[in-house]
Protein backbone atom coordinates (compact mmCIF):
# COMPACT_ATOMS: atom_id res chain seq x y z
CA UNK A 1 0.00 0.00 0.00
CA UNK A 2 1.38 3.41 -0.85
CA UNK A 3 2.38 5.73 1.93
CA UNK A 4 0.37 8.83 2.70
CA UNK A 5 1.33 11.65 0.38
CA UNK A 6 2.64 14.93 1.83
CA UNK A 7 -0.67 16.61 0.94
CA UNK A 8 -2.50 14.40 3.45
CA UNK A 9 0.06 14.59 6.27
CA UNK A 10 -1.69 17.55 7.89
CA UNK A 11 -4.69 15.34 8.75
CA UNK A 12 -4.79 14.20 12.36
CA UNK A 13 -6.77 10.98 12.38
CA UNK A 14 -6.28 8.95 15.55
CA UNK A 15 -5.07 5.61 14.25
CA UNK A 16 -5.94 3.92 17.54
CA UNK A 17 -9.61 4.71 16.85
CA UNK A 18 -9.66 2.31 13.92
CA UNK A 19 -11.08 -1.14 14.42
CA UNK A 20 -10.61 -3.99 11.98
CA UNK A 21 -13.23 -3.68 9.29
CA UNK A 22 -13.89 -0.01 9.88
CA UNK A 23 -13.00 2.68 7.43
CA UNK A 24 -13.16 6.44 7.24
CA UNK A 25 -14.16 8.59 4.30
CA UNK A 26 -12.09 11.68 3.68
CA UNK A 27 -14.24 14.37 2.10
CA UNK A 28 -13.64 17.65 0.35
CA UNK A 29 -16.51 20.07 -0.17
CA UNK A 30 -18.93 17.45 1.09
CA UNK A 31 -17.89 14.82 -1.46
CA UNK A 32 -15.97 11.66 -0.64
CA UNK A 33 -12.45 11.87 -2.08
CA UNK A 34 -10.67 8.97 -0.38
CA UNK A 35 -11.16 6.06 1.98
CA UNK A 36 -8.85 5.30 4.87
CA UNK A 37 -8.99 1.70 6.05
CA UNK A 38 -6.92 -0.64 8.16
CA UNK A 39 -4.35 -2.90 6.50
CA UNK A 40 -6.23 -6.13 7.25
CA UNK A 41 -9.35 -4.84 5.51
CA UNK A 42 -7.32 -3.59 2.55
CA UNK A 43 -5.61 -6.97 2.14
CA UNK A 44 -8.94 -8.80 2.41
CA UNK A 45 -10.39 -6.53 -0.28
CA UNK A 46 -7.43 -7.21 -2.57
CA UNK A 47 -7.80 -10.99 -2.09
CA UNK A 48 -11.51 -10.77 -2.85
CA UNK A 49 -10.84 -8.78 -6.02
CA UNK A 50 -8.26 -11.35 -7.14
CA UNK A 51 -10.75 -14.20 -6.60
CA UNK A 52 -13.43 -12.32 -8.52
CA UNK A 53 -11.00 -11.83 -11.40
CA UNK A 54 -10.28 -15.59 -11.48
CA UNK A 55 -14.01 -16.34 -11.46
CA UNK A 56 -14.61 -13.90 -14.32
CA UNK A 57 -11.85 -15.54 -16.36
CA UNK A 58 -13.39 -18.95 -15.69
CA UNK A 59 -16.80 -17.75 -16.84
CA UNK A 60 -15.23 -16.36 -20.02
CA UNK A 61 -13.63 -19.74 -20.73
CA UNK A 62 -16.96 -21.53 -20.21
CA UNK A 63 -18.68 -19.06 -22.54
CA UNK A 64 -15.94 -19.62 -25.15
CA UNK A 65 -16.46 -23.39 -25.00
CA UNK A 66 -13.11 -24.13 -23.41
CA UNK A 67 -14.63 -25.99 -20.43
CA UNK A 68 -14.73 -29.79 -20.21
CA UNK A 69 -17.01 -32.06 -18.23
CA UNK A 70 -15.47 -33.45 -15.05
CA UNK A 71 -16.45 -36.98 -16.05
CA UNK A 72 -14.50 -36.62 -19.34
CA UNK A 73 -11.41 -35.37 -17.53
CA UNK A 74 -11.58 -38.19 -14.95
CA UNK A 75 -11.99 -40.79 -17.70
CA UNK A 76 -8.99 -39.40 -19.58
CA UNK A 77 -6.84 -39.44 -16.43
CA UNK A 78 -7.87 -43.02 -15.64
CA UNK A 79 -6.98 -44.04 -19.19
CA UNK A 80 -3.57 -42.40 -18.89
CA UNK A 81 -2.95 -44.10 -15.54
CA UNK A 82 -3.92 -47.50 -17.00
CA UNK A 83 -1.37 -47.05 -19.80
CA UNK A 84 1.43 -46.11 -17.41
C-alpha atoms as a PDB file:
ATOM      1  CA  UNK A   1       0.000   0.000   0.000  1.00  0.00           C
ATOM      2  CA  UNK A   2       1.380   3.411  -0.852  1.00  0.00           C
ATOM      3  CA  UNK A   3       2.383   5.728   1.926  1.00  0.00           C
ATOM      4  CA  UNK A   4       0.367   8.826   2.705  1.00  0.00           C
ATOM      5  CA  UNK A   5       1.328  11.650   0.382  1.00  0.00           C
ATOM      6  CA  UNK A   6       2.640  14.930   1.830  1.00  0.00           C
ATOM      7  CA  UNK A   7      -0.668  16.611   0.937  1.00  0.00           C
ATOM      8  CA  UNK A   8      -2.500  14.399   3.454  1.00  0.00           C
ATOM      9  CA  UNK A   9       0.065  14.588   6.275  1.00  0.00           C
ATOM     10  CA  UNK A  10      -1.690  17.549   7.886  1.00  0.00           C
ATOM     11  CA  UNK A  11      -4.685  15.338   8.755  1.00  0.00           C
ATOM     12  CA  UNK A  12      -4.789  14.200  12.359  1.00  0.00           C
ATOM     13  CA  UNK A  13      -6.773  10.980  12.383  1.00  0.00           C
ATOM     14  CA  UNK A  14      -6.278   8.953  15.554  1.00  0.00           C
ATOM     15  CA  UNK A  15      -5.071   5.606  14.254  1.00  0.00           C
ATOM     16  CA  UNK A  16      -5.940   3.918  17.543  1.00  0.00           C
ATOM     17  CA  UNK A  17      -9.613   4.714  16.853  1.00  0.00           C
ATOM     18  CA  UNK A  18      -9.659   2.305  13.915  1.00  0.00           C
ATOM     19  CA  UNK A  19     -11.075  -1.136  14.422  1.00  0.00           C
ATOM     20  CA  UNK A  20     -10.614  -3.991  11.983  1.00  0.00           C
ATOM     21  CA  UNK A  21     -13.227  -3.682   9.289  1.00  0.00           C
ATOM     22  CA  UNK A  22     -13.895  -0.014   9.881  1.00  0.00           C
ATOM     23  CA  UNK A  23     -12.998   2.680   7.430  1.00  0.00           C
ATOM     24  CA  UNK A  24     -13.158   6.444   7.237  1.00  0.00           C
ATOM     25  CA  UNK A  25     -14.159   8.586   4.297  1.00  0.00           C
ATOM     26  CA  UNK A  26     -12.090  11.677   3.680  1.00  0.00           C
ATOM     27  CA  UNK A  27     -14.243  14.369   2.103  1.00  0.00           C
ATOM     28  CA  UNK A  28     -13.644  17.648   0.355  1.00  0.00           C
ATOM     29  CA  UNK A  29     -16.506  20.075  -0.171  1.00  0.00           C
ATOM     30  CA  UNK A  30     -18.935  17.450   1.094  1.00  0.00           C
ATOM     31  CA  UNK A  31     -17.894  14.818  -1.465  1.00  0.00           C
ATOM     32  CA  UNK A  32     -15.974  11.657  -0.642  1.00  0.00           C
ATOM     33  CA  UNK A  33     -12.447  11.873  -2.076  1.00  0.00           C
ATOM     34  CA  UNK A  34     -10.665   8.966  -0.383  1.00  0.00           C
ATOM     35  CA  UNK A  35     -11.160   6.058   1.982  1.00  0.00           C
ATOM     36  CA  UNK A  36      -8.850   5.303   4.871  1.00  0.00           C
ATOM     37  CA  UNK A  37      -8.995   1.701   6.047  1.00  0.00           C
ATOM     38  CA  UNK A  38      -6.916  -0.638   8.161  1.00  0.00           C
ATOM     39  CA  UNK A  39      -4.348  -2.897   6.500  1.00  0.00           C
ATOM     40  CA  UNK A  40      -6.226  -6.133   7.245  1.00  0.00           C
ATOM     41  CA  UNK A  41      -9.352  -4.840   5.513  1.00  0.00           C
ATOM     42  CA  UNK A  42      -7.320  -3.587   2.550  1.00  0.00           C
ATOM     43  CA  UNK A  43      -5.615  -6.971   2.137  1.00  0.00           C
ATOM     44  CA  UNK A  44      -8.942  -8.804   2.412  1.00  0.00           C
ATOM     45  CA  UNK A  45     -10.390  -6.532  -0.276  1.00  0.00           C
ATOM     46  CA  UNK A  46      -7.431  -7.207  -2.572  1.00  0.00           C
ATOM     47  CA  UNK A  47      -7.800 -10.990  -2.085  1.00  0.00           C
ATOM     48  CA  UNK A  48     -11.515 -10.766  -2.851  1.00  0.00           C
ATOM     49  CA  UNK A  49     -10.835  -8.775  -6.022  1.00  0.00           C
ATOM     50  CA  UNK A  50      -8.256 -11.353  -7.139  1.00  0.00           C
ATOM     51  CA  UNK A  51     -10.746 -14.200  -6.603  1.00  0.00           C
ATOM     52  CA  UNK A  52     -13.433 -12.317  -8.517  1.00  0.00           C
ATOM     53  CA  UNK A  53     -11.000 -11.828 -11.396  1.00  0.00           C
ATOM     54  CA  UNK A  54     -10.277 -15.585 -11.482  1.00  0.00           C
ATOM     55  CA  UNK A  55     -14.013 -16.343 -11.459  1.00  0.00           C
ATOM     56  CA  UNK A  56     -14.610 -13.902 -14.318  1.00  0.00           C
ATOM     57  CA  UNK A  57     -11.847 -15.540 -16.364  1.00  0.00           C
ATOM     58  CA  UNK A  58     -13.385 -18.949 -15.691  1.00  0.00           C
ATOM     59  CA  UNK A  59     -16.796 -17.748 -16.843  1.00  0.00           C
ATOM     60  CA  UNK A  60     -15.235 -16.364 -20.023  1.00  0.00           C
ATOM     61  CA  UNK A  61     -13.626 -19.744 -20.726  1.00  0.00           C
ATOM     62  CA  UNK A  62     -16.957 -21.527 -20.207  1.00  0.00           C
ATOM     63  CA  UNK A  63     -18.682 -19.058 -22.541  1.00  0.00           C
ATOM     64  CA  UNK A  64     -15.943 -19.619 -25.153  1.00  0.00           C
ATOM     65  CA  UNK A  65     -16.463 -23.389 -25.002  1.00  0.00           C
ATOM     66  CA  UNK A  66     -13.106 -24.129 -23.409  1.00  0.00           C
ATOM     67  CA  UNK A  67     -14.626 -25.990 -20.428  1.00  0.00           C
ATOM     68  CA  UNK A  68     -14.730 -29.789 -20.206  1.00  0.00           C
ATOM     69  CA  UNK A  69     -17.005 -32.061 -18.226  1.00  0.00           C
ATOM     70  CA  UNK A  70     -15.469 -33.448 -15.054  1.00  0.00           C
ATOM     71  CA  UNK A  71     -16.447 -36.985 -16.052  1.00  0.00           C
ATOM     72  CA  UNK A  72     -14.503 -36.621 -19.336  1.00  0.00           C
ATOM     73  CA  UNK A  73     -11.407 -35.366 -17.526  1.00  0.00           C
ATOM     74  CA  UNK A  74     -11.576 -38.190 -14.948  1.00  0.00           C
ATOM     75  CA  UNK A  75     -11.991 -40.788 -17.700  1.00  0.00           C
ATOM     76  CA  UNK A  76      -8.985 -39.396 -19.582  1.00  0.00           C
ATOM     77  CA  UNK A  77      -6.836 -39.437 -16.429  1.00  0.00           C
ATOM     78  CA  UNK A  78      -7.873 -43.015 -15.643  1.00  0.00           C
ATOM     79  CA  UNK A  79      -6.980 -44.041 -19.192  1.00  0.00           C
ATOM     80  CA  UNK A  80      -3.568 -42.402 -18.886  1.00  0.00           C
ATOM     81  CA  UNK A  81      -2.954 -44.102 -15.540  1.00  0.00           C
ATOM     82  CA  UNK A  82      -3.922 -47.497 -17.004  1.00  0.00           C
ATOM     83  CA  UNK A  83      -1.370 -47.052 -19.799  1.00  0.00           C
ATOM     84  CA  UNK A  84       1.425 -46.110 -17.409  1.00  0.00           C
END
